[in-house]
Amino acid sequence: MNEDAPYVAIIAAEACPPGLIDEVLWGLEEDGVPARLLPSRGGSTGELAGLAAAASPLELGIALGAAGECAIGHAAVQRRCLLESEGPLTPAQARRAGCIAARLAKRLTLPLEDGTWKTP
């Protein structure tokens, strides 16, 4: 793997529901945006999304919590968390989270119409 290549950083809780990480990765892959899974740590999903964003060359991060909740962060935003899920994600919503992050990376419009997301 090219260490200088851009990627979206992902931090997931150790108890993250099975399959959600894969769904997020597939959502990113659908739009051709690479990702890297970082070691799990403690904190809220909003905080972890900010940490992931700070570690990403694309300045974008995704955090998945133990209950399946999700946050998407950007390093250029002061609070670093752009979006948080209203609750635990379904597999389809987790894939959509990957697509949303990919669209942010490409500076395209975001598909937020399903009511899954809120701004913190």
PDB file of N, CA and C in Angstrom:
ATOM      1  N   MET A   1       0.841  -1.183   0.000  1.00  0.00           N
ATOM      2  CA  MET A   1       0.000   0.000   0.000  1.00  0.00           C
ATOM      3  C   MET A   1       0.883   1.242   0.000  1.00  0.00           C
ATOM      4  N   ASN A   2       0.528   2.208  -0.801  1.00  0.00           N
ATOM      5  CA  ASN A   2       1.249   3.473  -0.862  1.00  0.00           C
ATOM      6  C   ASN A   2       0.886   4.309   0.367  1.00  0.00           C
ATOM      7  N   GLU A   3       1.856   4.566   1.221  1.00  0.00           N
ATOM      8  CA  GLU A   3       1.614   5.307   2.462  1.00  0.00           C
ATOM      9  C   GLU A   3       1.223   6.761   2.221  1.00  0.00           C
ATOM     10  N   ASP A   4       1.553   7.310   1.042  1.00  0.00           N
ATOM     11  CA  ASP A   4       1.232   8.698   0.735  1.00  0.00           C
ATOM     12  C   ASP A   4      -0.126   8.845   0.044  1.00  0.00           C
ATOM     13  N   ALA A   5      -0.766   7.756  -0.300  1.00  0.00           N
ATOM     14  CA  ALA A   5      -2.038   7.814  -1.012  1.00  0.00           C
ATOM     15  C   ALA A   5      -3.124   8.399  -0.112  1.00  0.00           C
ATOM     16  N   PRO A   6      -4.037   9.175  -0.680  1.00  0.00           N
ATOM     17  CA  PRO A   6      -5.131   9.729   0.121  1.00  0.00           C
ATOM     18  C   PRO A   6      -6.120   8.642   0.527  1.00  0.00           C
ATOM     19  N   TYR A   7      -6.743   8.824   1.664  1.00  0.00           N
ATOM     20  CA  TYR A   7      -7.736   7.860   2.150  1.00  0.00           C
ATOM     21  C   TYR A   7      -8.632   8.531   3.179  1.00  0.00           C
ATOM     22  N   VAL A   8      -9.807   7.944   3.358  1.00  0.00           N
ATOM     23  CA  VAL A   8     -10.707   8.310   4.449  1.00  0.00           C
ATOM     24  C   VAL A   8     -10.353   7.397   5.612  1.00  0.00           C
ATOM     25  N   ALA A   9     -10.140   7.969   6.785  1.00  0.00           N
ATOM     26  CA  ALA A   9      -9.797   7.176   7.965  1.00  0.00           C
ATOM     27  C   ALA A   9     -11.075   6.734   8.681  1.00  0.00           C
ATOM     28  N   ILE A  10     -11.062   5.509   9.167  1.00  0.00           N
ATOM     29  CA  ILE A  10     -12.210   4.944   9.880  1.00  0.00           C
ATOM     30  C   ILE A  10     -11.745   4.440  11.237  1.00  0.00           C
ATOM     31  N   ILE A  11     -12.469   4.828  12.279  1.00  0.00           N
ATOM     32  CA  ILE A  11     -12.244   4.283  13.619  1.00  0.00           C
ATOM     33  C   ILE A  11     -13.551   3.631  14.052  1.00  0.00           C
ATOM     34  N   ALA A  12     -13.483   2.370  14.419  1.00  0.00           N
ATOM     35  CA  ALA A  12     -14.672   1.640  14.862  1.00  0.00           C
ATOM     36  C   ALA A  12     -14.450   1.095  16.264  1.00  0.00           C
ATOM     37  N   ALA A  13     -15.490   1.162  17.076  1.00  0.00           N
ATOM     38  CA  ALA A  13     -15.436   0.571  18.409  1.00  0.00           C
ATOM     39  C   ALA A  13     -15.209  -0.930  18.279  1.00  0.00           C
ATOM     40  N   GLU A  14     -14.523  -1.499  19.236  1.00  0.00           N
ATOM     41  CA  GLU A  14     -14.259  -2.945  19.196  1.00  0.00           C
ATOM     42  C   GLU A  14     -15.554  -3.748  19.141  1.00  0.00           C
ATOM     43  N   ALA A  15     -16.607  -3.236  19.775  1.00  0.00           N
ATOM     44  CA  ALA A  15     -17.887  -3.938  19.807  1.00  0.00           C
ATOM     45  C   ALA A  15     -18.832  -3.497  18.691  1.00  0.00           C
ATOM     46  N   CYS A  16     -18.305  -2.852  17.673  1.00  0.00           N
ATOM     47  CA  CYS A  16     -19.121  -2.411  16.533  1.00  0.00           C
ATOM     48  C   CYS A  16     -19.853  -3.625  15.949  1.00  0.00           C
ATOM     49  N   PRO A  17     -21.153  -3.485  15.650  1.00  0.00           N
ATOM     50  CA  PRO A  17     -21.894  -4.629  15.113  1.00  0.00           C
ATOM     51  C   PRO A  17     -21.228  -5.228  13.878  1.00  0.00           C
ATOM     52  N   PRO A  18     -21.211  -6.548  13.785  1.00  0.00           N
ATOM     53  CA  PRO A  18     -20.567  -7.223  12.658  1.00  0.00           C
ATOM     54  C   PRO A  18     -21.143  -6.751  11.326  1.00  0.00           C
ATOM     55  N   GLY A  19     -20.280  -6.561  10.377  1.00  0.00           N
ATOM     56  CA  GLY A  19     -20.697  -6.211   9.031  1.00  0.00           C
ATOM     57  C   GLY A  19     -20.788  -4.730   8.730  1.00  0.00           C
ATOM     58  N   LEU A  20     -20.926  -3.873   9.755  1.00  0.00           N
ATOM     59  CA  LEU A  20     -21.080  -2.439   9.479  1.00  0.00           C
ATOM     60  C   LEU A  20     -19.814  -1.836   8.876  1.00  0.00           C
ATOM     61  N   ILE A  21     -18.661  -2.255   9.366  1.00  0.00           N
ATOM     62  CA  ILE A  21     -17.408  -1.724   8.817  1.00  0.00           C
ATOM     63  C   ILE A  21     -17.314  -2.080   7.332  1.00  0.00           C
ATOM     64  N   ASP A  22     -17.631  -3.335   7.002  1.00  0.00           N
ATOM     65  CA  ASP A  22     -17.590  -3.751   5.599  1.00  0.00           C
ATOM     66  C   ASP A  22     -18.535  -2.912   4.749  1.00  0.00           C
ATOM     67  N   GLU A  23     -19.723  -2.647   5.250  1.00  0.00           N
ATOM     68  CA  GLU A  23     -20.693  -1.854   4.487  1.00  0.00           C
ATOM     69  C   GLU A  23     -20.155  -0.444   4.224  1.00  0.00           C
ATOM     70  N   VAL A  24     -19.554   0.180   5.241  1.00  0.00           N
ATOM     71  CA  VAL A  24     -18.974   1.511   5.058  1.00  0.00           C
ATOM     72  C   VAL A  24     -17.864   1.454   4.004  1.00  0.00           C
ATOM     73  N   LEU A  25     -17.010   0.448   4.105  1.00  0.00           N
ATOM     74  CA  LEU A  25     -15.918   0.299   3.131  1.00  0.00           C
ATOM     75  C   LEU A  25     -16.462   0.113   1.714  1.00  0.00           C
ATOM     76  N   TRP A  26     -17.528  -0.674   1.574  1.00  0.00           N
ATOM     77  CA  TRP A  26     -18.111  -0.882   0.248  1.00  0.00           C
ATOM     78  C   TRP A  26     -18.705   0.414  -0.295  1.00  0.00           C
ATOM     79  N   GLY A  27     -19.318   1.207   0.570  1.00  0.00           N
ATOM     80  CA  GLY A  27     -19.856   2.498   0.132  1.00  0.00           C
ATOM     81  C   GLY A  27     -18.770   3.420  -0.390  1.00  0.00           C
ATOM     82  N   LEU A  28     -17.644   3.447   0.287  1.00  0.00           N
ATOM     83  CA  LEU A  28     -16.508   4.246  -0.185  1.00  0.00           C
ATOM     84  C   LEU A  28     -15.965   3.688  -1.498  1.00  0.00           C
ATOM     85  N   GLU A  29     -15.843   2.366  -1.553  1.00  0.00           N
ATOM     86  CA  GLU A  29     -15.286   1.714  -2.744  1.00  0.00           C
ATOM     87  C   GLU A  29     -16.152   1.954  -3.980  1.00  0.00           C
ATOM     88  N   GLU A  30     -17.480   1.995  -3.796  1.00  0.00           N
ATOM     89  CA  GLU A  30     -18.380   2.237  -4.928  1.00  0.00           C
ATOM     90  C   GLU A  30     -18.032   3.531  -5.651  1.00  0.00           C
ATOM     91  N   ASP A  31     -17.554   4.512  -4.910  1.00  0.00           N
ATOM     92  CA  ASP A  31     -17.174   5.794  -5.498  1.00  0.00           C
ATOM     93  C   ASP A  31     -15.670   5.912  -5.714  1.00  0.00           C
ATOM     94  N   GLY A  32     -14.946   4.817  -5.514  1.00  0.00           N
ATOM     95  CA  GLY A  32     -13.517   4.811  -5.801  1.00  0.00           C
ATOM     96  C   GLY A  32     -12.659   5.581  -4.811  1.00  0.00           C
ATOM     97  N   VAL A  33     -13.137   5.714  -3.574  1.00  0.00           N
ATOM     98  CA  VAL A  33     -12.374   6.443  -2.557  1.00  0.00           C
ATOM     99  C   VAL A  33     -11.775   5.431  -1.583  1.00  0.00           C
ATOM    100  N   PRO A  34     -10.445   5.409  -1.445  1.00  0.00           N
ATOM    101  CA  PRO A  34      -9.806   4.448  -0.540  1.00  0.00           C
ATOM    102  C   PRO A  34     -10.035   4.801   0.932  1.00  0.00           C
ATOM    103  N   ALA A  35      -9.920   3.780   1.757  1.00  0.00           N
ATOM    104  CA  ALA A  35     -10.107   3.953   3.200  1.00  0.00           C
ATOM    105  C   ALA A  35      -9.035   3.179   3.943  1.00  0.00           C
ATOM    106  N   ARG A  36      -8.836   3.584   5.179  1.00  0.00           N
ATOM    107  CA  ARG A  36      -7.903   2.881   6.057  1.00  0.00           C
ATOM    108  C   ARG A  36      -8.550   2.787   7.437  1.00  0.00           C
ATOM    109  N   LEU A  37      -8.546   1.584   8.003  1.00  0.00           N
ATOM    110  CA  LEU A  37      -9.090   1.356   9.338  1.00  0.00           C
ATOM    111  C   LEU A  37      -7.999   1.639  10.356  1.00  0.00           C
ATOM    112  N   LEU A  38      -8.288   2.542  11.281  1.00  0.00           N
ATOM    113  CA  LEU A  38      -7.337   2.901  12.335  1.00  0.00           C
ATOM    114  C   LEU A  38      -7.672   2.135  13.609  1.00  0.00           C
ATOM    115  N   PRO A  39      -6.727   2.023  14.542  1.00  0.00           N
ATOM    116  CA  PRO A  39      -6.999   1.312  15.793  1.00  0.00           C
ATOM    117  C   PRO A  39      -8.159   1.939  16.566  1.00  0.00           C
ATOM    118  N   SER A  40      -8.920   1.077  17.195  1.00  0.00           N
ATOM    119  CA  SER A  40     -10.060   1.511  18.004  1.00  0.00           C
ATOM    120  C   SER A  40      -9.581   2.263  19.239  1.00  0.00           C
ATOM    121  N   ARG A  41     -10.368   3.242  19.675  1.00  0.00           N
ATOM    122  CA  ARG A  41     -10.089   3.966  20.923  1.00  0.00           C
ATOM    123  C   ARG A  41     -11.401   4.379  21.558  1.00  0.00           C
ATOM    124  N   GLY A  42     -11.313   4.873  22.767  1.00  0.00           N
ATOM    125  CA  GLY A  42     -12.507   5.314  23.475  1.00  0.00           C
ATOM    126  C   GLY A  42     -12.911   6.717  23.075  1.00  0.00           C
ATOM    127  N   GLY A  43     -14.161   7.049  23.324  1.00  0.00           N
ATOM    128  CA  GLY A  43     -14.688   8.376  23.035  1.00  0.00           C
ATOM    129  C   GLY A  43     -16.013   8.275  22.311  1.00  0.00           C
ATOM    130  N   SER A  44     -16.683   9.415  22.186  1.00  0.00           N
ATOM    131  CA  SER A  44     -17.948   9.445  21.460  1.00  0.00           C
ATOM    132  C   SER A  44     -17.672   9.306  19.967  1.00  0.00           C
ATOM    133  N   THR A  45     -18.703   8.957  19.216  1.00  0.00           N
ATOM    134  CA  THR A  45     -18.496   8.833  17.774  1.00  0.00           C
ATOM    135  C   THR A  45     -18.127  10.185  17.165  1.00  0.00           C
ATOM    136  N   GLY A  46     -18.688  11.270  17.687  1.00  0.00           N
ATOM    137  CA  GLY A  46     -18.324  12.596  17.181  1.00  0.00           C
ATOM    138  C   GLY A  46     -16.855  12.904  17.397  1.00  0.00           C
ATOM    139  N   GLU A  47     -16.357  12.595  18.602  1.00  0.00           N
ATOM    140  CA  GLU A  47     -14.936  12.821  18.899  1.00  0.00           C
ATOM    141  C   GLU A  47     -14.046  11.936  18.028  1.00  0.00           C
ATOM    142  N   LEU A  48     -14.436  10.681  17.884  1.00  0.00           N
ATOM    143  CA  LEU A  48     -13.631   9.754  17.095  1.00  0.00           C
ATOM    144  C   LEU A  48     -13.641  10.114  15.618  1.00  0.00           C
ATOM    145  N   ALA A  49     -14.761  10.634  15.111  1.00  0.00           N
ATOM    146  CA  ALA A  49     -14.802  11.081  13.716  1.00  0.00           C
ATOM    147  C   ALA A  49     -13.820  12.232  13.509  1.00  0.00           C
ATOM    148  N   GLY A  50     -13.726  13.120  14.494  1.00  0.00           N
ATOM    149  CA  GLY A  50     -12.758  14.206  14.418  1.00  0.00           C
ATOM    150  C   GLY A  50     -11.326  13.701  14.441  1.00  0.00           C
ATOM    151  N   LEU A  51     -11.034  12.724  15.290  1.00  0.00           N
ATOM    152  CA  LEU A  51      -9.691  12.140  15.340  1.00  0.00           C
ATOM    153  C   LEU A  51      -9.356  11.436  14.025  1.00  0.00           C
ATOM    154  N   ALA A  52     -10.322  10.722  13.490  1.00  0.00           N
ATOM    155  CA  ALA A  52     -10.096  10.039  12.211  1.00  0.00           C
ATOM    156  C   ALA A  52      -9.852  11.065  11.098  1.00  0.00           C
ATOM    157  N   ALA A  53     -10.633  12.133  11.093  1.00  0.00           N
ATOM    158  CA  ALA A  53     -10.456  13.180  10.077  1.00  0.00           C
ATOM    159  C   ALA A  53      -9.073  13.814  10.178  1.00  0.00           C
ATOM    160  N   ALA A  54      -8.612  14.032  11.398  1.00  0.00           N
ATOM    161  CA  ALA A  54      -7.293  14.637  11.594  1.00  0.00           C
ATOM    162  C   ALA A  54      -6.173  13.724  11.087  1.00  0.00           C
ATOM    163  N   ALA A  55      -6.409  12.404  11.082  1.00  0.00           N
ATOM    164  CA  ALA A  55      -5.397  11.444  10.637  1.00  0.00           C
ATOM    165  C   ALA A  55      -5.446  11.186   9.132  1.00  0.00           C
ATOM    166  N   SER A  56      -6.495  11.632   8.465  1.00  0.00           N
ATOM    167  CA  SER A  56      -6.697  11.337   7.054  1.00  0.00           C
ATOM    168  C   SER A  56      -6.088  12.398   6.149  1.00  0.00           C
ATOM    169  N   PRO A  57      -5.335  11.991   5.114  1.00  0.00           N
ATOM    170  CA  PRO A  57      -4.831  12.966   4.145  1.00  0.00           C
ATOM    171  C   PRO A  57      -5.959  13.723   3.428  1.00  0.00           C
ATOM    172  N   LEU A  58      -7.139  13.114   3.347  1.00  0.00           N
ATOM    173  CA  LEU A  58      -8.300  13.777   2.752  1.00  0.00           C
ATOM    174  C   LEU A  58      -9.055  14.632   3.774  1.00  0.00           C
ATOM    175  N   GLU A  59      -8.593  14.595   5.029  1.00  0.00           N
ATOM    176  CA  GLU A  59      -9.213  15.310   6.150  1.00  0.00           C
ATOM    177  C   GLU A  59     -10.642  14.861   6.418  1.00  0.00           C
ATOM    178  N   LEU A  60     -10.951  13.596   6.080  1.00  0.00           N
ATOM    179  CA  LEU A  60     -12.271  13.014   6.299  1.00  0.00           C
ATOM    180  C   LEU A  60     -12.152  11.774   7.160  1.00  0.00           C
ATOM    181  N   GLY A  61     -13.051  11.665   8.132  1.00  0.00           N
ATOM    182  CA  GLY A  61     -13.040  10.503   8.999  1.00  0.00           C
ATOM    183  C   GLY A  61     -14.438  10.003   9.289  1.00  0.00           C
ATOM    184  N   ILE A  62     -14.531   8.709   9.527  1.00  0.00           N
ATOM    185  CA  ILE A  62     -15.786   8.066   9.894  1.00  0.00           C
ATOM    186  C   ILE A  62     -15.551   7.321  11.198  1.00  0.00           C
ATOM    187  N   ALA A  63     -16.505   7.420  12.116  1.00  0.00           N
ATOM    188  CA  ALA A  63     -16.441   6.660  13.359  1.00  0.00           C
ATOM    189  C   ALA A  63     -17.707   5.827  13.492  1.00  0.00           C
ATOM    190  N   LEU A  64     -17.532   4.585  13.936  1.00  0.00           N
ATOM    191  CA  LEU A  64     -18.643   3.677  14.186  1.00  0.00           C
ATOM    192  C   LEU A  64     -18.606   3.268  15.647  1.00  0.00           C
ATOM    193  N   GLY A  65     -19.728   3.438  16.338  1.00  0.00           N
ATOM    194  CA  GLY A  65     -19.801   3.127  17.759  1.00  0.00           C
ATOM    195  C   GLY A  65     -20.240   1.701  18.034  1.00  0.00           C
ATOM    196  N   ALA A  66     -20.197   1.326  19.303  1.00  0.00           N
ATOM    197  CA  ALA A  66     -20.523  -0.029  19.725  1.00  0.00           C
ATOM    198  C   ALA A  66     -21.984  -0.392  19.453  1.00  0.00           C
ATOM    199  N   ALA A  67     -22.866   0.599  19.465  1.00  0.00           N
ATOM    200  CA  ALA A  67     -24.284   0.328  19.209  1.00  0.00           C
ATOM    201  C   ALA A  67     -24.637   0.433  17.728  1.00  0.00           C
ATOM    202  N   GLY A  68     -23.636   0.760  16.882  1.00  0.00           N
ATOM    203  CA  GLY A  68     -23.881   0.898  15.452  1.00  0.00           C
ATOM    204  C   GLY A  68     -24.148   2.323  15.017  1.00  0.00           C
ATOM    205  N   GLU A  69     -23.969   3.285  15.939  1.00  0.00           N
ATOM    206  CA  GLU A  69     -24.122   4.686  15.557  1.00  0.00           C
ATOM    207  C   GLU A  69     -22.898   5.130  14.757  1.00  0.00           C
ATOM    208  N   CYS A  70     -23.033   6.233  14.033  1.00  0.00           N
ATOM    209  CA  CYS A  70     -21.980   6.663  13.125  1.00  0.00           C
ATOM    210  C   CYS A  70     -21.843   8.175  13.143  1.00  0.00           C
ATOM    211  N   ALA A  71     -20.634   8.649  12.904  1.00  0.00           N
ATOM    212  CA  ALA A  71     -20.384  10.081  12.717  1.00  0.00           C
ATOM    213  C   ALA A  71     -19.369  10.233  11.588  1.00  0.00           C
ATOM    214  N   ILE A  72     -19.525  11.319  10.849  1.00  0.00           N
ATOM    215  CA  ILE A  72     -18.601  11.660   9.764  1.00  0.00           C
ATOM    216  C   ILE A  72     -17.987  13.003  10.104  1.00  0.00           C
ATOM    217  N   GLY A  73     -16.659  13.077  10.077  1.00  0.00           N
ATOM    218  CA  GLY A  73     -15.968  14.305  10.461  1.00  0.00           C
ATOM    219  C   GLY A  73     -15.079  14.847   9.364  1.00  0.00           C
ATOM    220  N   HIS A  74     -14.777  16.138   9.484  1.00  0.00           N
ATOM    221  CA  HIS A  74     -13.851  16.807   8.564  1.00  0.00           C
ATOM    222  C   HIS A  74     -12.920  17.670   9.393  1.00  0.00           C
ATOM    223  N   ALA A  75     -11.625  17.585   9.107  1.00  0.00           N
ATOM    224  CA  ALA A  75     -10.620  18.291   9.905  1.00  0.00           C
ATOM    225  C   ALA A  75     -10.735  19.810   9.794  1.00  0.00           C
ATOM    226  N   ALA A  76     -11.332  20.310   8.718  1.00  0.00           N
ATOM    227  CA  ALA A  76     -11.430  21.766   8.541  1.00  0.00           C
ATOM    228  C   ALA A  76     -12.581  22.387   9.345  1.00  0.00           C
ATOM    229  N   VAL A  77     -13.452  21.567   9.885  1.00  0.00           N
ATOM    230  CA  VAL A  77     -14.578  22.059  10.677  1.00  0.00           C
ATOM    231  C   VAL A  77     -14.128  22.140  12.126  1.00  0.00           C
ATOM    232  N   GLN A  78     -14.409  23.253  12.779  1.00  0.00           N
ATOM    233  CA  GLN A  78     -13.894  23.474  14.125  1.00  0.00           C
ATOM    234  C   GLN A  78     -14.254  22.345  15.081  1.00  0.00           C
ATOM    235  N   ARG A  79     -15.483  21.913  15.086  1.00  0.00           N
ATOM    236  CA  ARG A  79     -15.883  20.826  15.994  1.00  0.00           C
ATOM    237  C   ARG A  79     -15.552  19.464  15.389  1.00  0.00           C
ATOM    238  N   ARG A  80     -15.163  19.459  14.118  1.00  0.00           N
ATOM    239  CA  ARG A  80     -14.705  18.299  13.351  1.00  0.00           C
ATOM    240  C   ARG A  80     -15.780  17.281  13.013  1.00  0.00           C
ATOM    241  N   CYS A  81     -16.910  17.292  13.671  1.00  0.00           N
ATOM    242  CA  CYS A  81     -17.965  16.341  13.347  1.00  0.00           C
ATOM    243  C   CYS A  81     -19.011  17.047  12.486  1.00  0.00           C
ATOM    244  N   LEU A  82     -19.155  16.585  11.251  1.00  0.00           N
ATOM    245  CA  LEU A  82     -20.130  17.180  10.331  1.00  0.00           C
ATOM    246  C   LEU A  82     -21.519  16.598  10.498  1.00  0.00           C
ATOM    247  N   LEU A  83     -21.580  15.281  10.591  1.00  0.00           N
ATOM    248  CA  LEU A  83     -22.858  14.580  10.641  1.00  0.00           C
ATOM    249  C   LEU A  83     -22.798  13.455  11.662  1.00  0.00           C
ATOM    250  N   GLU A  84     -23.924  13.241  12.331  1.00  0.00           N
ATOM    251  CA  GLU A  84     -24.060  12.101  13.233  1.00  0.00           C
ATOM    252  C   GLU A  84     -25.356  11.384  12.893  1.00  0.00           C
ATOM    253  N   SER A  85     -25.341  10.074  13.009  1.00  0.00           N
ATOM    254  CA  SER A  85     -26.574   9.318  12.758  1.00  0.00           C
ATOM    255  C   SER A  85     -27.536   9.553  13.914  1.00  0.00           C
ATOM    256  N   GLU A  86     -28.813   9.442  13.620  1.00  0.00           N
ATOM    257  CA  GLU A  86     -29.853   9.608  14.645  1.00  0.00           C
ATOM    258  C   GLU A  86     -29.882   8.421  15.600  1.00  0.00           C
ATOM    259  N   GLY A  87     -29.280   7.334  15.214  1.00  0.00           N
ATOM    260  CA  GLY A  87     -29.254   6.121  16.035  1.00  0.00           C
ATOM    261  C   GLY A  87     -28.406   5.077  15.332  1.00  0.00           C
ATOM    262  N   PRO A  88     -28.558   3.810  15.726  1.00  0.00           N
ATOM    263  CA  PRO A  88     -27.793   2.741  15.077  1.00  0.00           C
ATOM    264  C   PRO A  88     -28.141   2.641  13.589  1.00  0.00           C
ATOM    265  N   LEU A  89     -27.141   2.331  12.787  1.00  0.00           N
ATOM    266  CA  LEU A  89     -27.332   2.212  11.347  1.00  0.00           C
ATOM    267  C   LEU A  89     -27.698   0.792  10.948  1.00  0.00           C
ATOM    268  N   THR A  90     -28.536   0.689   9.942  1.00  0.00           N
ATOM    269  CA  THR A  90     -28.768  -0.594   9.279  1.00  0.00           C
ATOM    270  C   THR A  90     -27.589  -0.813   8.327  1.00  0.00           C
ATOM    271  N   PRO A  91     -27.419  -2.011   7.812  1.00  0.00           N
ATOM    272  CA  PRO A  91     -26.347  -2.214   6.826  1.00  0.00           C
ATOM    273  C   PRO A  91     -26.465  -1.265   5.627  1.00  0.00           C
ATOM    274  N   ALA A  92     -27.666  -1.039   5.126  1.00  0.00           N
ATOM    275  CA  ALA A  92     -27.841  -0.134   3.979  1.00  0.00           C
ATOM    276  C   ALA A  92     -27.444   1.298   4.348  1.00  0.00           C
ATOM    277  N   GLN A  93     -27.784   1.721   5.550  1.00  0.00           N
ATOM    278  CA  GLN A  93     -27.406   3.068   5.994  1.00  0.00           C
ATOM    279  C   GLN A  93     -25.901   3.181   6.200  1.00  0.00           C
ATOM    280  N   ALA A  94     -25.253   2.098   6.651  1.00  0.00           N
ATOM    281  CA  ALA A  94     -23.794   2.113   6.809  1.00  0.00           C
ATOM    282  C   ALA A  94     -23.119   2.252   5.453  1.00  0.00           C
ATOM    283  N   ARG A  95     -23.653   1.570   4.446  1.00  0.00           N
ATOM    284  CA  ARG A  95     -23.103   1.714   3.097  1.00  0.00           C
ATOM    285  C   ARG A  95     -23.304   3.152   2.618  1.00  0.00           C
ATOM    286  N   ARG A  96     -24.460   3.721   2.936  1.00  0.00           N
ATOM    287  CA  ARG A  96     -24.732   5.117   2.554  1.00  0.00           C
ATOM    288  C   ARG A  96     -23.741   6.055   3.250  1.00  0.00           C
ATOM    289  N   ALA A  97     -23.352   5.749   4.498  1.00  0.00           N
ATOM    290  CA  ALA A  97     -22.357   6.569   5.193  1.00  0.00           C
ATOM    291  C   ALA A  97     -21.043   6.597   4.419  1.00  0.00           C
ATOM    292  N   GLY A  98     -20.635   5.443   3.906  1.00  0.00           N
ATOM    293  CA  GLY A  98     -19.436   5.398   3.069  1.00  0.00           C
ATOM    294  C   GLY A  98     -19.600   6.224   1.807  1.00  0.00           C
ATOM    295  N   CYS A  99     -20.767   6.150   1.197  1.00  0.00           N
ATOM    296  CA  CYS A  99     -21.047   6.948  -0.015  1.00  0.00           C
ATOM    297  C   CYS A  99     -21.022   8.443   0.301  1.00  0.00           C
ATOM    298  N   ILE A 100     -21.577   8.827   1.447  1.00  0.00           N
ATOM    299  CA  ILE A 100     -21.581  10.241   1.837  1.00  0.00           C
ATOM    300  C   ILE A 100     -20.148  10.740   1.999  1.00  0.00           C
ATOM    301  N   ALA A 101     -19.320   9.964   2.689  1.00  0.00           N
ATOM    302  CA  ALA A 101     -17.920  10.370   2.876  1.00  0.00           C
ATOM    303  C   ALA A 101     -17.199  10.456   1.526  1.00  0.00           C
ATOM    304  N   ALA A 102     -17.481   9.512   0.641  1.00  0.00           N
ATOM    305  CA  ALA A 102     -16.853   9.547  -0.687  1.00  0.00           C
ATOM    306  C   ALA A 102     -17.280  10.798  -1.448  1.00  0.00           C
ATOM    307  N   ARG A 103     -18.544  11.152  -1.345  1.00  0.00           N
ATOM    308  CA  ARG A 103     -19.032  12.347  -2.038  1.00  0.00           C
ATOM    309  C   ARG A 103     -18.422  13.608  -1.423  1.00  0.00           C
ATOM    310  N   LEU A 104     -18.210  13.615  -0.116  1.00  0.00           N
ATOM    311  CA  LEU A 104     -17.510  14.743   0.501  1.00  0.00           C
ATOM    312  C   LEU A 104     -16.087  14.848  -0.044  1.00  0.00           C
ATOM    313  N   ALA A 105     -15.425  13.709  -0.177  1.00  0.00           N
ATOM    314  CA  ALA A 105     -14.050  13.701  -0.693  1.00  0.00           C
ATOM    315  C   ALA A 105     -13.998  14.255  -2.113  1.00  0.00           C
ATOM    316  N   LYS A 106     -15.043  13.986  -2.889  1.00  0.00           N
ATOM    317  CA  LYS A 106     -15.090  14.438  -4.281  1.00  0.00           C
ATOM    318  C   LYS A 106     -15.789  15.794  -4.431  1.00  0.00           C
ATOM    319  N   ARG A 107     -16.241  16.342  -3.310  1.00  0.00           N
ATOM    320  CA  ARG A 107     -16.955  17.634  -3.299  1.00  0.00           C
ATOM    321  C   ARG A 107     -18.212  17.601  -4.168  1.00  0.00           C
ATOM    322  N   LEU A 108     -19.002  16.553  -3.988  1.00  0.00           N
ATOM    323  CA  LEU A 108     -20.269  16.391  -4.697  1.00  0.00           C
ATOM    324  C   LEU A 108     -21.428  16.588  -3.727  1.00  0.00           C
ATOM    325  N   THR A 109     -22.636  16.738  -4.238  1.00  0.00           N
ATOM    326  CA  THR A 109     -23.800  16.898  -3.373  1.00  0.00           C
ATOM    327  C   THR A 109     -24.011  15.635  -2.541  1.00  0.00           C
ATOM    328  N   LEU A 110     -24.598  15.824  -1.366  1.00  0.00           N
ATOM    329  CA  LEU A 110     -24.753  14.715  -0.435  1.00  0.00           C
ATOM    330  C   LEU A 110     -26.167  14.138  -0.467  1.00  0.00           C
ATOM    331  N   PRO A 111     -26.293  12.811  -0.433  1.00  0.00           N
ATOM    332  CA  PRO A 111     -27.604  12.161  -0.407  1.00  0.00           C
ATOM    333  C   PRO A 111     -28.103  12.011   1.037  1.00  0.00           C
ATOM    334  N   LEU A 112     -28.694  13.053   1.602  1.00  0.00           N
ATOM    335  CA  LEU A 112     -29.096  13.040   3.017  1.00  0.00           C
ATOM    336  C   LEU A 112     -30.605  12.976   3.203  1.00  0.00           C
ATOM    337  N   GLU A 113     -31.336  12.676   2.167  1.00  0.00           N
ATOM    338  CA  GLU A 113     -32.786  12.800   2.216  1.00  0.00           C
ATOM    339  C   GLU A 113     -33.512  11.774   3.067  1.00  0.00           C
ATOM    340  N   ASP A 114     -32.862  10.733   3.535  1.00  0.00           N
ATOM    341  CA  ASP A 114     -33.595   9.662   4.224  1.00  0.00           C
ATOM    342  C   ASP A 114     -33.820   9.887   5.719  1.00  0.00           C
ATOM    343  N   GLY A 115     -33.375  11.000   6.288  1.00  0.00           N
ATOM    344  CA  GLY A 115     -33.625  11.293   7.700  1.00  0.00           C
ATOM    345  C   GLY A 115     -32.711  10.574   8.669  1.00  0.00           C
ATOM    346  N   THR A 116     -31.664   9.928   8.188  1.00  0.00           N
ATOM    347  CA  THR A 116     -30.741   9.183   9.046  1.00  0.00           C
ATOM    348  C   THR A 116     -29.778  10.106   9.791  1.00  0.00           C
ATOM    349  N   TRP A 117     -29.517  11.283   9.238  1.00  0.00           N
ATOM    350  CA  TRP A 117     -28.420  12.131   9.711  1.00  0.00           C
ATOM    351  C   TRP A 117     -28.907  13.424  10.338  1.00  0.00           C
ATOM    352  N   LYS A 118     -28.126  13.911  11.313  1.00  0.00           N
ATOM    353  CA  LYS A 118     -28.342  15.215  11.934  1.00  0.00           C
ATOM    354  C   LYS A 118     -26.990  15.921  12.036  1.00  0.00           C
ATOM    355  N   THR A 119     -27.023  17.228  12.129  1.00  0.00           N
ATOM    356  CA  THR A 119     -25.789  17.968  12.387  1.00  0.00           C
ATOM    357  C   THR A 119     -25.669  18.152  13.887  1.00  0.00           C
ATOM    358  N   PRO A 120     -24.467  17.990  14.431  1.00  0.00           N
ATOM    359  CA  PRO A 120     -24.299  18.087  15.901  1.00  0.00           C
ATOM    360  C   PRO A 120     -24.477  19.519  16.394  1.00  0.00           C
TER     361      PRO A 120
END
